[in-house]
């Protein structure tokens, strides 16, 4: 297996055919039309894993995890039981794909909102097996560490002091899979905080999962238009609001 490639190829012809519902523009939501869904791989009630109908990335296997049958819902709003089922289901399928040994690396992430890089509003995540690119080579270990905010139930929440992209990033380190439900609780807190308390203009976030050195870490970051300093020079910036964010999370959520 060749894992030395550093770039993925995006098929713009396929990309141009994708429906866009992340903002209201009249497109019918493809994930709401469950009777018409093809390529269903696995299911847990209303949670589905399906083959991506628009595989824009070459040399990959792209799947979509449809989190709920409620198009207007969102991870920060889920009842705890459903939240836990979604994160358990997604993590299981992600780790299964890694264990298969077919790929150089496997991506597991969530887009939410018009600035997140996604095209579909309906709550979903993506699990993508990448044949020739190993993402772990691009992740500095320090970007997954940070200033501790809370540690409970086998999960540590920290705010990155050396962020991957910049400004404010929240890192969640999982002690072991037995604490996955607590990780889900923390993910929900982070998503809710960014959408409701962080910045009145923030309507988007990403969640990224990493499996590096046998340790699972999740990163939650609010999304805005990317900084030109990062886009052009790959220099992340550190927000002066880090102490305020830590204090807000502790005060609002009792961490």
C-alpha atoms as a PDB file:
ATOM      1  CA  UNK A   1       0.000   0.000   0.000  1.00  0.00           C
ATOM      2  CA  UNK A   2       1.374   3.399  -0.985  1.00  0.00           C
ATOM      3  CA  UNK A   3       0.745   5.836   1.882  1.00  0.00           C
ATOM      4  CA  UNK A   4       3.170   8.540   0.741  1.00  0.00           C
ATOM      5  CA  UNK A   5       0.702  10.649  -1.221  1.00  0.00           C
ATOM      6  CA  UNK A   6      -0.127  13.980   0.390  1.00  0.00           C
ATOM      7  CA  UNK A   7      -3.126  15.199  -1.646  1.00  0.00           C
ATOM      8  CA  UNK A   8      -6.585  13.910  -2.476  1.00  0.00           C
ATOM      9  CA  UNK A   9      -8.116  14.455  -5.924  1.00  0.00           C
ATOM     10  CA  UNK A  10     -11.557  16.121  -5.890  1.00  0.00           C
ATOM     11  CA  UNK A  11     -13.788  15.275  -8.861  1.00  0.00           C
ATOM     12  CA  UNK A  12     -15.421  18.609  -9.701  1.00  0.00           C
ATOM     13  CA  UNK A  13     -17.856  17.056 -12.177  1.00  0.00           C
ATOM     14  CA  UNK A  14     -19.354  14.867  -9.462  1.00  0.00           C
ATOM     15  CA  UNK A  15     -19.168  17.741  -6.988  1.00  0.00           C
ATOM     16  CA  UNK A  16     -21.174  19.969  -9.289  1.00  0.00           C
ATOM     17  CA  UNK A  17     -24.028  17.472  -9.301  1.00  0.00           C
ATOM     18  CA  UNK A  18     -24.426  17.355  -5.507  1.00  0.00           C
ATOM     19  CA  UNK A  19     -27.638  18.788  -4.003  1.00  0.00           C
ATOM     20  CA  UNK A  20     -27.186  21.763  -1.685  1.00  0.00           C
ATOM     21  CA  UNK A  21     -29.531  22.168   1.275  1.00  0.00           C
ATOM     22  CA  UNK A  22     -27.198  23.684   3.869  1.00  0.00           C
ATOM     23  CA  UNK A  23     -28.991  26.969   3.186  1.00  0.00           C
ATOM     24  CA  UNK A  24     -32.623  27.139   2.122  1.00  0.00           C
ATOM     25  CA  UNK A  25     -32.553  27.225  -1.653  1.00  0.00           C
ATOM     26  CA  UNK A  26     -35.456  24.978  -2.562  1.00  0.00           C
ATOM     27  CA  UNK A  27     -33.571  21.700  -3.019  1.00  0.00           C
ATOM     28  CA  UNK A  28     -35.298  18.583  -1.740  1.00  0.00           C
ATOM     29  CA  UNK A  29     -33.334  16.944   1.083  1.00  0.00           C
ATOM     30  CA  UNK A  30     -32.025  13.572  -0.138  1.00  0.00           C
ATOM     31  CA  UNK A  31     -31.727  12.203   3.405  1.00  0.00           C
ATOM     32  CA  UNK A  32     -35.387  12.853   4.182  1.00  0.00           C
ATOM     33  CA  UNK A  33     -36.510  10.641   1.286  1.00  0.00           C
ATOM     34  CA  UNK A  34     -35.728   7.403   3.101  1.00  0.00           C
ATOM     35  CA  UNK A  35     -37.721   5.202   0.754  1.00  0.00           C
ATOM     36  CA  UNK A  36     -35.451   6.352  -2.074  1.00  0.00           C
ATOM     37  CA  UNK A  37     -32.113   5.884  -0.299  1.00  0.00           C
ATOM     38  CA  UNK A  38     -29.746   3.459  -1.984  1.00  0.00           C
ATOM     39  CA  UNK A  39     -26.605   1.742  -0.748  1.00  0.00           C
ATOM     40  CA  UNK A  40     -27.673   1.260   2.878  1.00  0.00           C
ATOM     41  CA  UNK A  41     -24.758  -0.443   4.658  1.00  0.00           C
ATOM     42  CA  UNK A  42     -25.995  -0.608   8.262  1.00  0.00           C
ATOM     43  CA  UNK A  43     -28.797   0.722  10.442  1.00  0.00           C
ATOM     44  CA  UNK A  44     -29.695   1.277  14.075  1.00  0.00           C
ATOM     45  CA  UNK A  45     -33.278   2.462  14.123  1.00  0.00           C
ATOM     46  CA  UNK A  46     -33.369   5.876  12.456  1.00  0.00           C
ATOM     47  CA  UNK A  47     -29.542   5.996  12.296  1.00  0.00           C
ATOM     48  CA  UNK A  48     -28.251   4.876   8.894  1.00  0.00           C
ATOM     49  CA  UNK A  49     -24.869   4.326   7.291  1.00  0.00           C
ATOM     50  CA  UNK A  50     -25.083   4.638   3.507  1.00  0.00           C
ATOM     51  CA  UNK A  51     -22.684   4.729   0.591  1.00  0.00           C
ATOM     52  CA  UNK A  52     -22.106   8.304  -0.527  1.00  0.00           C
ATOM     53  CA  UNK A  53     -24.046   8.851  -3.753  1.00  0.00           C
ATOM     54  CA  UNK A  54     -21.575  11.554  -4.806  1.00  0.00           C
ATOM     55  CA  UNK A  55     -18.047  10.144  -4.193  1.00  0.00           C
ATOM     56  CA  UNK A  56     -16.093  13.284  -5.049  1.00  0.00           C
ATOM     57  CA  UNK A  57     -12.759  12.064  -3.635  1.00  0.00           C
ATOM     58  CA  UNK A  58     -10.832   9.652  -5.817  1.00  0.00           C
ATOM     59  CA  UNK A  59      -9.154   6.566  -4.344  1.00  0.00           C
ATOM     60  CA  UNK A  60     -11.481   6.595  -1.352  1.00  0.00           C
ATOM     61  CA  UNK A  61     -14.542   4.784  -0.054  1.00  0.00           C
ATOM     62  CA  UNK A  62     -17.025   7.431   1.091  1.00  0.00           C
ATOM     63  CA  UNK A  63     -19.909   6.737   3.445  1.00  0.00           C
ATOM     64  CA  UNK A  64     -22.489   8.981   5.121  1.00  0.00           C
ATOM     65  CA  UNK A  65     -23.900   8.465   8.606  1.00  0.00           C
ATOM     66  CA  UNK A  66     -27.433   9.890   8.684  1.00  0.00           C
ATOM     67  CA  UNK A  67     -27.932  10.695  12.350  1.00  0.00           C
ATOM     68  CA  UNK A  68     -31.696  11.102  12.574  1.00  0.00           C
ATOM     69  CA  UNK A  69     -34.895  11.205  10.523  1.00  0.00           C
ATOM     70  CA  UNK A  70     -35.550  14.759  11.795  1.00  0.00           C
ATOM     71  CA  UNK A  71     -34.073  17.156   9.240  1.00  0.00           C
ATOM     72  CA  UNK A  72     -34.500  20.172  11.523  1.00  0.00           C
ATOM     73  CA  UNK A  73     -32.697  18.637  14.504  1.00  0.00           C
ATOM     74  CA  UNK A  74     -29.002  18.880  15.347  1.00  0.00           C
ATOM     75  CA  UNK A  75     -26.478  17.091  17.554  1.00  0.00           C
ATOM     76  CA  UNK A  76     -26.653  19.763  20.252  1.00  0.00           C
ATOM     77  CA  UNK A  77     -30.408  19.098  20.584  1.00  0.00           C
ATOM     78  CA  UNK A  78     -30.502  15.291  20.740  1.00  0.00           C
ATOM     79  CA  UNK A  79     -31.918  13.487  23.778  1.00  0.00           C
ATOM     80  CA  UNK A  80     -29.055  11.765  25.606  1.00  0.00           C
ATOM     81  CA  UNK A  81     -30.086   8.242  24.589  1.00  0.00           C
ATOM     82  CA  UNK A  82     -30.115   9.119  20.899  1.00  0.00           C
ATOM     83  CA  UNK A  83     -26.903  11.145  21.202  1.00  0.00           C
ATOM     84  CA  UNK A  84     -25.123   8.153  22.732  1.00  0.00           C
ATOM     85  CA  UNK A  85     -26.455   5.794  20.050  1.00  0.00           C
ATOM     86  CA  UNK A  86     -25.226   8.067  17.258  1.00  0.00           C
ATOM     87  CA  UNK A  87     -21.699   8.375  18.650  1.00  0.00           C
ATOM     88  CA  UNK A  88     -21.488   4.665  19.495  1.00  0.00           C
ATOM     89  CA  UNK A  89     -22.723   3.665  16.031  1.00  0.00           C
ATOM     90  CA  UNK A  90     -20.388   6.045  14.211  1.00  0.00           C
ATOM     91  CA  UNK A  91     -17.339   5.140  16.270  1.00  0.00           C
ATOM     92  CA  UNK A  92     -17.985   1.418  15.777  1.00  0.00           C
ATOM     93  CA  UNK A  93     -18.222   1.765  11.984  1.00  0.00           C
ATOM     94  CA  UNK A  94     -15.139   4.015  11.878  1.00  0.00           C
ATOM     95  CA  UNK A  95     -13.045   1.593  13.912  1.00  0.00           C
ATOM     96  CA  UNK A  96     -14.332  -1.355  11.845  1.00  0.00           C
ATOM     97  CA  UNK A  97     -13.132   0.358   8.677  1.00  0.00           C
ATOM     98  CA  UNK A  98      -9.727   1.031  10.260  1.00  0.00           C
ATOM     99  CA  UNK A  99      -9.443  -2.581  11.445  1.00  0.00           C
ATOM    100  CA  UNK A 100     -10.108  -3.865   7.920  1.00  0.00           C
ATOM    101  CA  UNK A 101      -6.599  -2.749   6.952  1.00  0.00           C
ATOM    102  CA  UNK A 102      -7.653  -1.639   3.465  1.00  0.00           C
ATOM    103  CA  UNK A 103      -6.846   2.039   3.891  1.00  0.00           C
ATOM    104  CA  UNK A 104      -3.870   4.249   4.694  1.00  0.00           C
ATOM    105  CA  UNK A 105      -6.207   6.148   7.030  1.00  0.00           C
ATOM    106  CA  UNK A 106      -9.910   6.587   7.752  1.00  0.00           C
ATOM    107  CA  UNK A 107     -11.540   9.990   8.271  1.00  0.00           C
ATOM    108  CA  UNK A 108     -14.519  10.455  10.611  1.00  0.00           C
ATOM    109  CA  UNK A 109     -15.969  13.951  10.861  1.00  0.00           C
ATOM    110  CA  UNK A 110     -19.082  16.112  11.041  1.00  0.00           C
ATOM    111  CA  UNK A 111     -19.993  19.336   9.260  1.00  0.00           C
ATOM    112  CA  UNK A 112     -22.777  21.568  10.540  1.00  0.00           C
ATOM    113  CA  UNK A 113     -23.803  24.926   9.132  1.00  0.00           C
ATOM    114  CA  UNK A 114     -23.125  27.011   6.034  1.00  0.00           C
ATOM    115  CA  UNK A 115     -19.486  27.757   6.937  1.00  0.00           C
ATOM    116  CA  UNK A 116     -18.576  24.163   7.829  1.00  0.00           C
ATOM    117  CA  UNK A 117     -17.733  22.946   4.323  1.00  0.00           C
ATOM    118  CA  UNK A 118     -20.821  20.744   4.045  1.00  0.00           C
ATOM    119  CA  UNK A 119     -23.637  20.917   1.497  1.00  0.00           C
ATOM    120  CA  UNK A 120     -26.518  19.103   3.259  1.00  0.00           C
ATOM    121  CA  UNK A 121     -28.362  20.574   6.256  1.00  0.00           C
ATOM    122  CA  UNK A 122     -29.798  17.239   7.431  1.00  0.00           C
ATOM    123  CA  UNK A 123     -27.734  16.058  10.458  1.00  0.00           C
ATOM    124  CA  UNK A 124     -25.049  13.664   9.271  1.00  0.00           C
ATOM    125  CA  UNK A 125     -21.403  12.659   9.592  1.00  0.00           C
ATOM    126  CA  UNK A 126     -18.981  11.144   7.124  1.00  0.00           C
ATOM    127  CA  UNK A 127     -16.661   8.162   7.355  1.00  0.00           C
ATOM    128  CA  UNK A 128     -14.147   8.008   4.497  1.00  0.00           C
ATOM    129  CA  UNK A 129     -11.562   5.333   3.873  1.00  0.00           C
ATOM    130  CA  UNK A 130      -8.531   6.895   2.160  1.00  0.00           C
ATOM    131  CA  UNK A 131      -6.368   4.470   0.218  1.00  0.00           C
ATOM    132  CA  UNK A 132      -3.119   6.385  -0.243  1.00  0.00           C
ATOM    133  CA  UNK A 133      -3.026   9.375   2.147  1.00  0.00           C
ATOM    134  CA  UNK A 134      -2.320   9.056   5.854  1.00  0.00           C
ATOM    135  CA  UNK A 135      -3.871  12.054   7.606  1.00  0.00           C
ATOM    136  CA  UNK A 136      -2.001  11.325  10.835  1.00  0.00           C
ATOM    137  CA  UNK A 137       1.207  12.697   9.291  1.00  0.00           C
ATOM    138  CA  UNK A 138      -0.505  16.120   9.101  1.00  0.00           C
ATOM    139  CA  UNK A 139      -1.580  16.356  12.737  1.00  0.00           C
ATOM    140  CA  UNK A 140       1.011  17.788  15.155  1.00  0.00           C
ATOM    141  CA  UNK A 141       0.542  16.012  18.499  1.00  0.00           C
ATOM    142  CA  UNK A 142       0.508  19.369  20.303  1.00  0.00           C
ATOM    143  CA  UNK A 143      -2.617  20.420  18.362  1.00  0.00           C
ATOM    144  CA  UNK A 144      -4.580  17.688  20.177  1.00  0.00           C
ATOM    145  CA  UNK A 145      -3.431  18.805  23.626  1.00  0.00           C
ATOM    146  CA  UNK A 146      -4.214  22.007  25.479  1.00  0.00           C
ATOM    147  CA  UNK A 147      -5.230  23.722  28.701  1.00  0.00           C
ATOM    148  CA  UNK A 148      -7.514  21.392  30.712  1.00  0.00           C
ATOM    149  CA  UNK A 149     -11.047  22.614  31.373  1.00  0.00           C
ATOM    150  CA  UNK A 150     -12.703  19.502  32.748  1.00  0.00           C
ATOM    151  CA  UNK A 151     -11.970  15.821  33.299  1.00  0.00           C
ATOM    152  CA  UNK A 152     -14.805  13.451  34.088  1.00  0.00           C
ATOM    153  CA  UNK A 153     -15.828   9.887  33.330  1.00  0.00           C
ATOM    154  CA  UNK A 154     -12.688   8.990  31.403  1.00  0.00           C
ATOM    155  CA  UNK A 155     -12.808  12.056  29.125  1.00  0.00           C
ATOM    156  CA  UNK A 156     -10.640  15.176  29.289  1.00  0.00           C
ATOM    157  CA  UNK A 157     -11.829  18.448  27.767  1.00  0.00           C
ATOM    158  CA  UNK A 158      -9.099  20.959  26.947  1.00  0.00           C
ATOM    159  CA  UNK A 159      -8.828  24.132  24.904  1.00  0.00           C
ATOM    160  CA  UNK A 160      -5.983  23.970  22.379  1.00  0.00           C
ATOM    161  CA  UNK A 161      -3.066  26.287  23.076  1.00  0.00           C
ATOM    162  CA  UNK A 162      -1.433  25.219  19.803  1.00  0.00           C
ATOM    163  CA  UNK A 163      -4.511  24.920  17.549  1.00  0.00           C
ATOM    164  CA  UNK A 164      -4.412  23.117  14.239  1.00  0.00           C
ATOM    165  CA  UNK A 165      -6.204  25.838  12.239  1.00  0.00           C
ATOM    166  CA  UNK A 166      -6.504  28.646  14.711  1.00  0.00           C
ATOM    167  CA  UNK A 167      -8.361  30.749  17.257  1.00  0.00           C
ATOM    168  CA  UNK A 168     -10.505  28.418  19.424  1.00  0.00           C
ATOM    169  CA  UNK A 169     -10.469  24.611  19.245  1.00  0.00           C
ATOM    170  CA  UNK A 170     -11.746  22.228  21.922  1.00  0.00           C
ATOM    171  CA  UNK A 171     -10.032  18.848  22.284  1.00  0.00           C
ATOM    172  CA  UNK A 172     -11.592  15.790  23.890  1.00  0.00           C
ATOM    173  CA  UNK A 173      -9.319  12.894  24.857  1.00  0.00           C
ATOM    174  CA  UNK A 174     -10.964   9.521  25.443  1.00  0.00           C
ATOM    175  CA  UNK A 175      -9.388   7.186  28.008  1.00  0.00           C
ATOM    176  CA  UNK A 176     -11.001   4.079  26.489  1.00  0.00           C
ATOM    177  CA  UNK A 177     -14.114   2.983  24.603  1.00  0.00           C
ATOM    178  CA  UNK A 178     -15.921   2.249  27.843  1.00  0.00           C
ATOM    179  CA  UNK A 179     -16.322   6.016  28.284  1.00  0.00           C
ATOM    180  CA  UNK A 180     -17.775   6.702  24.832  1.00  0.00           C
ATOM    181  CA  UNK A 181     -21.116   7.921  26.184  1.00  0.00           C
ATOM    182  CA  UNK A 182     -19.351  10.564  28.253  1.00  0.00           C
ATOM    183  CA  UNK A 183     -17.431  11.661  25.156  1.00  0.00           C
ATOM    184  CA  UNK A 184     -20.786  12.090  23.420  1.00  0.00           C
ATOM    185  CA  UNK A 185     -22.025  14.250  26.314  1.00  0.00           C
ATOM    186  CA  UNK A 186     -18.981  16.496  26.017  1.00  0.00           C
ATOM    187  CA  UNK A 187     -19.339  16.731  22.235  1.00  0.00           C
ATOM    188  CA  UNK A 188     -22.907  17.910  22.695  1.00  0.00           C
ATOM    189  CA  UNK A 189     -21.825  20.543  25.230  1.00  0.00           C
ATOM    190  CA  UNK A 190     -19.155  21.864  22.855  1.00  0.00           C
ATOM    191  CA  UNK A 191     -21.537  22.025  19.888  1.00  0.00           C
ATOM    192  CA  UNK A 192     -24.217  23.728  21.983  1.00  0.00           C
ATOM    193  CA  UNK A 193     -21.718  26.246  23.331  1.00  0.00           C
ATOM    194  CA  UNK A 194     -20.438  27.264  19.899  1.00  0.00           C
ATOM    195  CA  UNK A 195     -23.943  27.655  18.464  1.00  0.00           C
ATOM    196  CA  UNK A 196     -25.459  29.485  21.437  1.00  0.00           C
ATOM    197  CA  UNK A 197     -22.838  31.216  23.582  1.00  0.00           C
ATOM    198  CA  UNK A 198     -19.567  31.673  21.716  1.00  0.00           C
ATOM    199  CA  UNK A 199     -20.293  34.354  19.139  1.00  0.00           C
ATOM    200  CA  UNK A 200     -23.613  35.687  17.889  1.00  0.00           C
ATOM    201  CA  UNK A 201     -22.461  35.188  14.300  1.00  0.00           C
ATOM    202  CA  UNK A 202     -21.463  31.549  14.792  1.00  0.00           C
ATOM    203  CA  UNK A 203     -23.844  29.118  13.086  1.00  0.00           C
ATOM    204  CA  UNK A 204     -21.376  26.447  12.008  1.00  0.00           C
ATOM    205  CA  UNK A 205     -18.954  23.980  13.521  1.00  0.00           C
ATOM    206  CA  UNK A 206     -16.941  20.870  12.713  1.00  0.00           C
ATOM    207  CA  UNK A 207     -16.167  17.766  14.733  1.00  0.00           C
ATOM    208  CA  UNK A 208     -13.102  15.728  13.768  1.00  0.00           C
ATOM    209  CA  UNK A 209     -12.183  12.340  15.216  1.00  0.00           C
ATOM    210  CA  UNK A 210      -8.583  11.105  15.343  1.00  0.00           C
ATOM    211  CA  UNK A 211      -7.146   7.678  16.063  1.00  0.00           C
ATOM    212  CA  UNK A 212      -3.436   8.290  16.539  1.00  0.00           C
ATOM    213  CA  UNK A 213      -1.059   6.127  18.537  1.00  0.00           C
ATOM    214  CA  UNK A 214      -3.921   4.050  19.897  1.00  0.00           C
ATOM    215  CA  UNK A 215      -5.619   7.123  21.435  1.00  0.00           C
ATOM    216  CA  UNK A 216      -8.978   8.490  20.261  1.00  0.00           C
ATOM    217  CA  UNK A 217      -9.300  12.269  20.343  1.00  0.00           C
ATOM    218  CA  UNK A 218     -12.091  14.498  19.056  1.00  0.00           C
ATOM    219  CA  UNK A 219     -11.717  18.156  18.089  1.00  0.00           C
ATOM    220  CA  UNK A 220     -14.642  20.594  17.956  1.00  0.00           C
ATOM    221  CA  UNK A 221     -14.132  23.963  16.321  1.00  0.00           C
ATOM    222  CA  UNK A 222     -16.450  26.838  15.373  1.00  0.00           C
ATOM    223  CA  UNK A 223     -16.339  27.739  11.707  1.00  0.00           C
ATOM    224  CA  UNK A 224     -16.205  31.127  10.038  1.00  0.00           C
ATOM    225  CA  UNK A 225     -14.558  32.321   6.835  1.00  0.00           C
ATOM    226  CA  UNK A 226     -10.994  30.998   7.063  1.00  0.00           C
ATOM    227  CA  UNK A 227      -8.256  33.443   8.011  1.00  0.00           C
ATOM    228  CA  UNK A 228      -6.144  34.510   5.005  1.00  0.00           C
ATOM    229  CA  UNK A 229      -3.051  34.173   7.193  1.00  0.00           C
ATOM    230  CA  UNK A 230      -3.827  30.483   7.626  1.00  0.00           C
ATOM    231  CA  UNK A 231      -4.978  29.941   4.023  1.00  0.00           C
ATOM    232  CA  UNK A 232      -1.954  31.630   2.470  1.00  0.00           C
ATOM    233  CA  UNK A 233       0.780  30.930   4.984  1.00  0.00           C
ATOM    234  CA  UNK A 234      -0.449  28.000   7.124  1.00  0.00           C
ATOM    235  CA  UNK A 235       0.109  30.025  10.304  1.00  0.00           C
ATOM    236  CA  UNK A 236      -2.559  29.268  12.954  1.00  0.00           C
ATOM    237  CA  UNK A 237      -3.552  32.082  15.316  1.00  0.00           C
ATOM    238  CA  UNK A 238      -4.336  31.857  19.018  1.00  0.00           C
ATOM    239  CA  UNK A 239      -7.355  33.721  20.384  1.00  0.00           C
ATOM    240  CA  UNK A 240      -7.058  36.054  23.356  1.00  0.00           C
ATOM    241  CA  UNK A 241     -10.497  34.758  24.405  1.00  0.00           C
ATOM    242  CA  UNK A 242      -9.205  31.354  25.510  1.00  0.00           C
ATOM    243  CA  UNK A 243      -9.514  32.147  29.264  1.00  0.00           C
ATOM    244  CA  UNK A 244     -13.047  33.502  28.704  1.00  0.00           C
ATOM    245  CA  UNK A 245     -14.114  30.408  26.756  1.00  0.00           C
ATOM    246  CA  UNK A 246     -12.829  28.109  29.493  1.00  0.00           C
ATOM    247  CA  UNK A 247     -14.631  30.152  32.161  1.00  0.00           C
ATOM    248  CA  UNK A 248     -17.875  30.236  30.145  1.00  0.00           C
ATOM    249  CA  UNK A 249     -17.899  26.460  29.655  1.00  0.00           C
ATOM    250  CA  UNK A 250     -17.393  25.877  33.372  1.00  0.00           C
ATOM    251  CA  UNK A 251     -20.051  28.401  34.367  1.00  0.00           C
ATOM    252  CA  UNK A 252     -22.749  27.540  31.795  1.00  0.00           C
ATOM    253  CA  UNK A 253     -22.406  23.748  31.864  1.00  0.00           C
ATOM    254  CA  UNK A 254     -21.155  23.192  35.407  1.00  0.00           C
ATOM    255  CA  UNK A 255     -17.902  21.581  34.273  1.00  0.00           C
END
